Amino acid sequence: MPLRIALFGTGEFALPTFRALIESAEHDVVGVYTQPDRTGRGHHRHVNKIKVLAEEHAVPVFQPERVNRAESLQQLRQLAADVFVVAAYGQILKPEFLAIPPLGAFNLHGSLLPRHRGAAPVQYSIWEGDRLGGVTMFQIEPALDSGPMVGRVQTEIRPDETSADLMLRLAELSIELTRDVLQQLQSGTAVFESQDETQVTLAPKIRKEDGIIDWQQSACRIDCQVRAMQPWPKASTDLLVPGRPPLRCILLQVEPVGQTAAVSAGHGQGAVGSLIPDRSSVYAVTGDGLLKIKVIQPAGKKPMDAAAFVNGYVSGSAARFSSP
């Protein structure tokens, strides 16, 4: 007998799994819960792809401001779902909510728990330089991302991968993981594994200021930051050139290099943040090693390669990036 499933999600991370469950004949999706419609910049209404997906397949859509309110909980009970599947929903779920489905409520989390509990696990997996990332499915408890794990899948994080890239890959990997867990819940064979509390790290919500580069950090650390902060808020720094006002620049692609990569041709290595231009390249001095700038976007301009940046903005060895 198929499971009756209620889905809870809003972001892109949830979309592939929700689509697979809705389009499959294996289970019965009885309702989709997603955040209320929001108006963005310019008064344009944001397109909620989860809502569009559900409506295309005639699945009831619910968008409560607070899913824990009495009227929403009563509505949920009437759906008579066996299990709740949650992915990037964006609301805290209280004990009254979690007690409704007989088989429990389960969350897809974009890291290998207990590492990176919190709102930004994918970004922190890259920012912290992890070699492995993944998705964990766990039973939701009131404490943050602390419930027992019922399945997970891991993958190597590529050296040039951004948060946006990794998020898309993890979203696809979540499909088979969710199917496996649901089959195990249905057959009563699911294994619940407690998280090791000694291995917990936190991944709080990314703030705009997290994108500001501190050049005292190592080249490898800054590279991780540049990739982690895409697509938002992007890693940025101020370019300081004598006689010109500071210019905000977004770093889009960089590469840590050896200490001598840019000085072998006779360039000196200056203070932290200093820029070392070459004919077609430019290197920034960090707290540990050099960082090759490959793609950069000065304020008000389109992204450009190093050669264009050197020709248009870097005036000899006096140019430098500022630290906060």
Protein backbone atom coordinates (compact mmCIF):
# COMPACT_ATOMS: atom_id res chain seq x y z
CA MET A 1 0.00 0.00 0.00
CA PRO A 2 1.52 3.39 -0.97
CA LEU A 3 2.51 5.88 1.69
CA ARG A 4 0.58 9.13 2.04
CA ILE A 5 3.21 11.87 2.03
CA ALA A 6 3.06 15.59 2.81
CA LEU A 7 5.95 17.67 1.44
CA PHE A 8 7.37 20.84 3.01
CA GLY A 9 9.87 22.98 1.09
CA THR A 10 10.52 26.25 -0.67
CA GLY A 11 14.01 26.44 -2.16
CA GLU A 12 15.64 24.94 -5.24
CA PHE A 13 17.25 22.24 -3.11
CA ALA A 14 13.85 20.58 -2.59
CA LEU A 15 12.70 20.71 -6.20
CA PRO A 16 14.22 17.53 -7.76
CA THR A 17 13.11 15.26 -4.89
CA PHE A 18 9.63 16.75 -4.72
CA ARG A 19 9.25 16.38 -8.47
CA ALA A 20 10.32 12.75 -8.33
CA LEU A 21 7.87 11.96 -5.52
CA ILE A 22 4.95 13.79 -7.13
CA GLU A 23 5.51 12.21 -10.54
CA SER A 24 6.05 8.71 -9.17
CA ALA A 25 3.17 6.26 -8.82
CA GLU A 26 4.94 4.60 -5.90
CA HIS A 27 3.50 6.88 -3.21
CA ASP A 28 0.64 9.37 -2.84
CA VAL A 29 1.60 13.01 -2.24
CA VAL A 30 -1.44 14.42 -0.45
CA GLY A 31 -0.26 18.00 0.00
CA VAL A 32 2.62 20.42 -0.55
CA TYR A 33 3.45 23.12 1.98
CA THR A 34 5.65 26.04 0.93
CA GLN A 35 6.32 29.58 2.11
CA PRO A 36 3.79 32.33 1.31
CA ASP A 37 4.31 34.25 -1.93
CA ARG A 38 6.74 37.15 -1.52
CA THR A 39 7.20 40.36 -3.48
CA GLY A 40 10.80 41.06 -4.45
CA ARG A 41 12.60 44.12 -5.77
CA GLY A 42 10.61 46.27 -8.16
CA HIS A 43 7.41 44.80 -6.73
CA HIS A 44 7.85 41.66 -8.85
CA ARG A 45 6.36 38.55 -7.31
CA HIS A 46 8.92 35.81 -6.78
CA VAL A 47 8.12 32.62 -8.69
CA ASN A 48 7.82 29.76 -6.21
CA LYS A 49 8.84 26.72 -8.26
CA ILE A 50 7.60 24.29 -5.61
CA LYS A 51 4.14 25.83 -5.81
CA VAL A 52 4.18 25.76 -9.61
CA LEU A 53 5.21 22.09 -9.60
CA ALA A 54 2.38 21.11 -7.25
CA GLU A 55 -0.23 23.05 -9.20
CA GLU A 56 0.91 21.47 -12.48
CA HIS A 57 0.16 18.05 -10.97
CA ALA A 58 -3.06 19.06 -9.19
CA VAL A 59 -1.55 18.49 -5.74
CA PRO A 60 -3.10 20.70 -3.03
CA VAL A 61 -0.82 23.59 -2.06
CA PHE A 62 -0.80 25.24 1.37
CA GLN A 63 1.14 28.40 2.25
CA PRO A 64 0.60 29.23 5.93
CA GLU A 65 2.60 32.05 7.49
CA ARG A 66 3.04 29.83 10.57
CA VAL A 67 2.62 26.12 10.04
CA ASN A 68 2.56 25.51 13.81
CA ARG A 69 -0.65 27.48 14.38
CA ALA A 70 -3.71 25.54 15.49
CA GLU A 71 -5.60 25.93 12.22
CA SER A 72 -2.62 24.67 10.17
CA LEU A 73 -2.10 21.71 12.48
CA GLN A 74 -5.76 20.77 12.18
CA GLN A 75 -5.51 21.00 8.41
CA LEU A 76 -2.48 18.72 8.49
CA ARG A 77 -4.27 16.13 10.59
CA GLN A 78 -7.09 16.05 8.05
CA LEU A 79 -4.61 15.17 5.28
CA ALA A 80 -3.87 11.94 7.17
CA ALA A 81 -0.32 11.72 5.86
CA ASP A 82 1.81 8.80 7.03
CA VAL A 83 5.06 10.74 6.83
CA PHE A 84 6.31 14.31 6.34
CA VAL A 85 9.30 15.02 4.06
CA VAL A 86 10.96 18.40 4.64
CA ALA A 87 13.65 20.15 2.57
CA ALA A 88 14.64 23.82 2.86
CA TYR A 89 11.22 24.78 4.20
CA GLY A 90 12.29 27.79 6.24
CA GLN A 91 10.08 27.42 9.32
CA ILE A 92 10.83 26.05 12.78
CA LEU A 93 8.77 22.91 13.38
CA LYS A 94 7.36 22.47 16.90
CA PRO A 95 6.57 19.23 18.79
CA GLU A 96 2.84 19.50 18.02
CA PHE A 97 3.67 19.44 14.30
CA LEU A 98 6.18 16.61 14.60
CA ALA A 99 3.70 14.42 16.49
CA ILE A 100 1.17 14.33 13.64
CA PRO A 101 2.54 11.78 11.11
CA PRO A 102 2.59 8.18 12.42
CA LEU A 103 5.96 7.42 10.77
CA GLY A 104 7.53 10.76 11.67
CA ALA A 105 8.83 13.89 9.97
CA PHE A 106 12.15 13.69 8.10
CA ASN A 107 14.45 16.41 6.81
CA LEU A 108 16.92 16.45 3.92
CA HIS A 109 20.03 18.32 5.08
CA GLY A 110 22.85 19.37 2.75
CA SER A 111 25.83 18.08 4.73
CA LEU A 112 27.17 14.96 6.38
CA LEU A 113 25.71 15.41 9.85
CA PRO A 114 26.61 16.08 12.58
CA ARG A 115 28.96 18.38 10.64
CA HIS A 116 27.43 21.73 9.65
CA ARG A 117 24.14 21.85 11.52
CA GLY A 118 22.21 24.98 10.63
CA ALA A 119 20.86 27.06 7.77
CA ALA A 120 23.88 27.04 5.43
CA PRO A 121 25.43 23.55 5.39
CA VAL A 122 26.39 23.59 1.71
CA GLN A 123 28.16 26.94 1.96
CA TYR A 124 30.07 25.90 5.07
CA SER A 125 31.11 22.59 3.51
CA ILE A 126 33.00 24.61 0.89
CA TRP A 127 34.05 27.49 3.15
CA GLU A 128 35.67 25.11 5.63
CA GLY A 129 37.53 23.31 2.86
CA ASP A 130 35.82 19.94 3.37
CA ARG A 131 36.94 17.19 1.02
CA LEU A 132 33.58 15.43 1.27
CA GLY A 133 30.04 16.80 1.21
CA GLY A 134 26.70 15.09 1.08
CA VAL A 135 23.07 14.85 2.13
CA THR A 136 21.74 13.43 5.38
CA MET A 137 18.12 12.46 5.98
CA PHE A 138 17.19 12.53 9.64
CA GLN A 139 14.10 12.43 11.82
CA ILE A 140 13.28 15.93 12.96
CA GLU A 141 13.43 16.76 16.66
CA PRO A 142 12.84 20.13 18.32
CA ALA A 143 16.59 20.74 18.74
CA LEU A 144 18.39 22.06 15.64
CA ASP A 145 19.27 19.28 13.16
CA SER A 146 19.91 16.87 16.03
CA GLY A 147 17.58 13.94 15.27
CA PRO A 148 18.61 10.38 14.46
CA MET A 149 19.88 9.78 10.94
CA VAL A 150 18.11 7.29 8.66
CA GLY A 151 20.28 7.62 5.58
CA ARG A 152 22.95 9.68 3.90
CA VAL A 153 24.91 9.91 0.69
CA GLN A 154 28.35 11.47 0.26
CA THR A 155 30.28 12.96 -2.64
CA GLU A 156 33.68 14.53 -3.18
CA ILE A 157 33.67 18.31 -3.35
CA ARG A 158 35.44 19.41 -6.51
CA PRO A 159 38.30 21.92 -6.14
CA ASP A 160 36.58 24.51 -8.36
CA GLU A 161 33.02 23.92 -7.11
CA THR A 162 30.86 26.80 -5.86
CA SER A 163 27.99 26.56 -3.40
CA ALA A 164 25.56 26.86 -6.31
CA ASP A 165 27.25 23.97 -8.13
CA LEU A 166 27.31 21.72 -5.08
CA MET A 167 23.72 22.55 -4.14
CA LEU A 168 22.50 21.35 -7.54
CA ARG A 169 24.44 18.09 -7.27
CA LEU A 170 23.22 17.41 -3.74
CA ALA A 171 19.64 18.13 -4.77
CA GLU A 172 19.88 15.40 -7.42
CA LEU A 173 21.54 12.96 -5.01
CA SER A 174 18.64 13.51 -2.60
CA ILE A 175 16.16 11.80 -4.92
CA GLU A 176 17.41 8.23 -4.52
CA LEU A 177 18.21 8.78 -0.84
CA THR A 178 14.62 9.83 -0.15
CA ARG A 179 13.17 6.93 -2.10
CA ASP A 180 15.33 4.46 -0.17
CA VAL A 181 14.36 5.92 3.21
CA LEU A 182 10.66 5.91 2.37
CA GLN A 183 10.86 2.28 1.26
CA GLN A 184 12.59 1.38 4.53
CA LEU A 185 10.00 3.27 6.59
CA GLN A 186 7.24 1.52 4.71
CA SER A 187 8.74 -1.94 5.26
CA GLY A 188 9.79 -1.27 8.85
CA THR A 189 13.49 -1.82 8.08
CA ALA A 190 14.76 1.75 8.64
CA VAL A 191 17.81 2.01 10.90
CA PHE A 192 17.98 5.09 13.14
CA GLU A 193 21.53 6.21 13.99
CA SER A 194 22.18 8.77 16.72
CA GLN A 195 24.44 11.69 15.87
CA ASP A 196 27.82 11.95 17.58
CA GLU A 197 27.50 15.14 19.62
CA THR A 198 31.30 15.44 19.92
CA GLN A 199 31.55 15.98 16.15
CA VAL A 200 28.97 18.78 15.84
CA THR A 201 29.89 21.95 13.93
CA LEU A 202 27.51 24.81 13.17
CA ALA A 203 26.60 26.46 9.85
CA PRO A 204 24.57 29.59 10.67
CA LYS A 205 22.74 31.64 8.06
CA ILE A 206 25.12 33.42 5.69
CA ARG A 207 25.24 37.20 6.17
CA LYS A 208 26.19 39.80 3.59
CA GLU A 209 29.32 40.70 5.55
CA ASP A 210 30.54 37.10 5.33
CA GLY A 211 31.53 37.87 1.75
CA ILE A 212 34.09 40.54 2.72
CA ILE A 213 37.61 39.18 2.21
CA ASP A 214 40.26 39.46 4.91
CA TRP A 215 43.58 39.24 3.09
CA GLN A 216 45.36 38.16 6.28
CA GLN A 217 43.83 34.73 5.65
CA SER A 218 45.61 32.08 3.61
CA ALA A 219 45.19 31.85 -0.15
CA CYS A 220 43.43 28.50 0.22
CA ARG A 221 41.01 29.90 2.79
CA ILE A 222 40.12 32.86 0.56
CA ASP A 223 39.62 30.54 -2.41
CA CYS A 224 37.13 28.53 -0.31
CA GLN A 225 35.37 31.75 0.69
CA VAL A 226 35.09 32.94 -2.92
CA ARG A 227 33.46 29.65 -3.96
CA ALA A 228 31.28 29.38 -0.85
CA MET A 229 29.78 32.85 -1.29
CA GLN A 230 28.34 32.11 -4.73
CA PRO A 231 25.61 32.81 -5.67
CA TRP A 232 25.13 35.12 -2.62
CA PRO A 233 26.48 37.39 -1.23
CA LYS A 234 29.62 36.87 -3.37
CA ALA A 235 33.12 37.54 -2.06
CA SER A 236 34.19 41.16 -2.34
CA THR A 237 36.98 43.57 -1.51
CA ASP A 238 37.88 47.21 -2.12
CA LEU A 239 40.53 48.03 -4.71
CA LEU A 240 42.76 50.88 -3.55
CA VAL A 241 44.73 52.79 -6.19
CA PRO A 242 46.51 56.06 -5.30
CA GLY A 243 44.56 59.07 -6.49
CA ARG A 244 41.31 57.15 -7.00
CA PRO A 245 38.35 56.45 -4.69
CA PRO A 246 38.02 52.88 -3.37
CA LEU A 247 36.36 50.56 -5.88
CA ARG A 248 34.36 47.53 -4.76
CA CYS A 249 35.30 44.39 -6.66
CA ILE A 250 33.63 40.98 -6.63
CA LEU A 251 35.96 38.02 -6.95
CA LEU A 252 34.35 35.24 -8.97
CA GLN A 253 37.19 32.85 -9.74
CA VAL A 254 40.58 32.60 -8.07
CA GLU A 255 43.33 30.03 -7.64
CA PRO A 256 45.81 29.56 -4.78
CA VAL A 257 49.37 29.32 -6.11
CA GLY A 258 52.82 28.72 -4.68
CA GLN A 259 54.78 31.48 -3.04
CA THR A 260 57.08 31.88 -6.03
CA ALA A 261 54.53 31.64 -8.86
CA ALA A 262 54.49 35.35 -9.59
CA VAL A 263 57.85 36.41 -8.19
CA SER A 264 60.00 34.10 -10.28
CA ALA A 265 60.14 36.76 -12.99
CA GLY A 266 61.64 39.25 -10.59
CA HIS A 267 58.51 40.67 -8.95
CA GLY A 268 58.79 41.43 -5.25
CA GLN A 269 56.12 40.24 -2.85
CA GLY A 270 54.67 43.17 -0.95
CA ALA A 271 52.39 43.59 2.04
CA VAL A 272 49.19 41.61 2.50
CA GLY A 273 46.59 42.73 -0.05
CA SER A 274 49.21 44.01 -2.50
CA LEU A 275 48.66 43.23 -6.17
CA ILE A 276 51.40 41.80 -8.37
CA PRO A 277 50.46 42.36 -12.03
CA ASP A 278 51.90 40.44 -14.93
CA ARG A 279 51.19 40.87 -18.61
CA SER A 280 48.14 38.59 -18.55
CA SER A 281 47.78 37.76 -14.85
CA VAL A 282 47.49 39.41 -11.48
CA TYR A 283 48.26 37.95 -8.06
CA ALA A 284 47.16 39.12 -4.62
CA VAL A 285 49.35 38.70 -1.58
CA THR A 286 47.58 36.86 1.24
CA GLY A 287 48.56 35.94 4.77
CA ASP A 288 49.98 32.69 3.44
CA GLY A 289 50.85 32.47 -0.24
CA LEU A 290 49.60 34.15 -3.38
CA LEU A 291 46.14 34.12 -4.90
CA LYS A 292 45.80 34.28 -8.67
CA ILE A 293 42.84 36.44 -9.71
CA LYS A 294 41.17 34.78 -12.72
CA VAL A 295 37.72 36.42 -12.99
CA ILE A 296 36.79 39.66 -11.23
CA GLN A 297 33.91 42.13 -11.47
CA PRO A 298 34.55 45.79 -10.59
CA ALA A 299 31.46 47.68 -9.42
CA GLY A 300 29.24 48.70 -12.31
CA LYS A 301 31.07 46.50 -14.82
CA LYS A 302 30.69 43.01 -16.24
CA PRO A 303 32.95 40.17 -15.06
CA MET A 304 36.39 40.32 -16.70
CA ASP A 305 39.52 38.24 -16.87
CA ALA A 306 42.84 39.17 -15.28
CA ALA A 307 44.31 40.76 -18.41
CA ALA A 308 41.40 43.17 -18.81
CA PHE A 309 41.50 43.98 -15.09
CA VAL A 310 45.23 44.75 -15.17
CA ASN A 311 44.88 46.98 -18.24
CA GLY A 312 41.91 48.90 -16.90
CA TYR A 313 42.44 49.16 -13.15
CA VAL A 314 45.81 48.11 -11.78
CA SER A 315 48.43 50.83 -11.79
CA GLY A 316 51.78 49.18 -11.12
CA SER A 317 52.66 47.77 -7.74
CA ALA A 318 50.88 50.55 -5.81
CA ALA A 319 47.45 48.97 -6.27
CA ARG A 320 46.20 46.77 -3.47
CA PHE A 321 43.11 45.16 -1.99
CA SER A 322 41.97 46.39 1.41
CA SER A 323 41.15 44.21 4.41
CA PRO A 324 38.29 44.99 6.84
